[in-house]
Protein backbone atom coordinates (compact mmCIF):
# COMPACT_ATOMS: atom_id res chain seq x y z
CA MET A 1 44.05 -25.89 -95.18
CA ASN A 2 46.82 -23.35 -94.87
CA GLN A 3 46.41 -19.57 -94.61
CA ALA A 4 47.25 -18.89 -98.27
CA THR A 5 44.59 -21.37 -99.45
CA PHE A 6 42.07 -19.84 -97.02
CA LEU A 7 42.76 -16.34 -98.35
CA ASP A 8 42.35 -17.61 -101.93
CA LEU A 9 39.01 -19.17 -100.93
CA LEU A 10 37.85 -15.83 -99.50
CA THR A 11 38.83 -14.01 -102.68
CA GLU A 12 37.04 -16.56 -104.88
CA GLY A 13 33.91 -16.26 -102.73
CA GLU A 14 34.05 -12.45 -102.74
CA PHE A 15 34.53 -12.29 -98.97
CA PRO A 16 36.26 -9.28 -97.39
CA ALA A 17 39.72 -9.57 -95.83
CA PRO A 18 39.60 -11.55 -92.59
CA ILE A 19 40.16 -10.22 -89.09
CA CYS A 20 42.06 -12.06 -86.36
CA VAL A 21 39.84 -13.11 -83.45
CA VAL A 22 41.26 -14.28 -80.10
CA GLN A 23 39.12 -15.98 -77.44
CA GLU A 24 40.43 -16.90 -73.98
CA CYS A 25 40.65 -20.47 -72.72
CA GLY A 26 37.44 -21.92 -71.33
CA GLY A 27 35.39 -19.17 -72.95
CA PHE A 28 32.09 -19.75 -74.71
CA LEU A 29 29.22 -18.06 -76.48
CA GLU A 30 25.64 -19.08 -75.68
CA SER A 31 23.37 -20.19 -78.52
CA HIS A 32 23.17 -17.52 -81.19
CA SER A 33 22.98 -17.08 -84.96
CA HIS A 34 24.64 -14.91 -87.58
CA PRO A 35 22.65 -12.90 -90.15
CA TYR A 36 25.63 -13.31 -92.51
CA GLU A 37 27.83 -16.07 -93.93
CA VAL A 38 31.10 -16.75 -92.08
CA LYS A 39 34.31 -18.46 -93.13
CA ALA A 40 36.99 -19.02 -90.51
CA LEU A 41 40.41 -20.66 -90.26
CA VAL A 42 41.68 -21.68 -86.81
CA THR A 43 45.32 -20.62 -86.54
CA GLN A 44 45.93 -21.57 -82.89
CA GLY A 45 44.04 -23.57 -80.27
CA GLN A 46 40.64 -25.22 -80.66
CA ILE A 47 37.04 -24.14 -81.21
CA ASP A 48 33.99 -26.39 -81.04
CA ILE A 49 30.87 -25.33 -82.95
CA VAL A 50 27.65 -27.13 -82.00
CA ILE A 51 24.39 -27.07 -83.98
CA ASP A 52 21.46 -29.22 -82.84
CA GLY A 53 23.83 -31.06 -80.49
CA ILE A 54 26.24 -31.98 -83.30
CA LYS A 55 29.67 -30.45 -83.93
CA THR A 56 29.58 -29.20 -87.51
CA SER A 57 30.20 -26.31 -89.89
CA TYR A 58 27.55 -23.59 -89.82
CA LEU A 59 25.81 -21.33 -92.30
CA ALA A 60 24.25 -17.89 -91.97
CA ASN A 61 21.40 -17.70 -89.43
CA GLN A 62 21.98 -21.14 -87.86
CA ILE A 63 21.70 -21.02 -84.08
CA HIS A 64 24.83 -22.50 -82.51
CA SER A 65 27.05 -22.39 -79.45
CA GLU A 66 30.84 -22.16 -79.26
CA SER A 67 33.41 -23.28 -76.71
CA TYR A 68 37.16 -22.78 -76.67
CA GLY A 69 39.88 -25.26 -75.72
CA GLY A 70 42.23 -25.13 -72.74
CA LYS A 71 44.64 -22.86 -74.59
CA GLY A 72 41.92 -20.61 -76.01
CA VAL A 73 41.64 -20.08 -79.74
CA GLN A 74 42.85 -17.67 -82.38
CA TYR A 75 41.29 -17.64 -85.83
CA LEU A 76 40.91 -15.57 -88.96
CA ALA A 77 37.29 -14.77 -89.77
CA SER A 78 35.59 -13.11 -92.71
CA ARG A 79 31.92 -12.15 -92.80
CA LYS A 80 30.00 -11.82 -96.05
CA GLY A 81 26.71 -9.97 -96.19
CA ILE A 82 27.32 -7.55 -93.31
CA GLU A 83 28.26 -3.91 -93.41
CA LEU A 84 30.96 -3.09 -90.85
CA GLN A 85 31.12 0.49 -89.68
């Protein structure tokens, strides 16, 4: 999927404009969940999402962990169902 298609998908799903997220190489987040739905498009590097020991896509409130490849990762992310202040 390219960035234009991703942005169209966000619009169709009534998601807000995405933000660019950058994580450093070798970084990770311990198991956690999101109280909102997330759509993301990796634009550089690699990200591994693990749920119940299986790499997969995730939905709102699923507990998961993340790890980032040797060059880190950069991605566009949009969160639906959360009020940003």
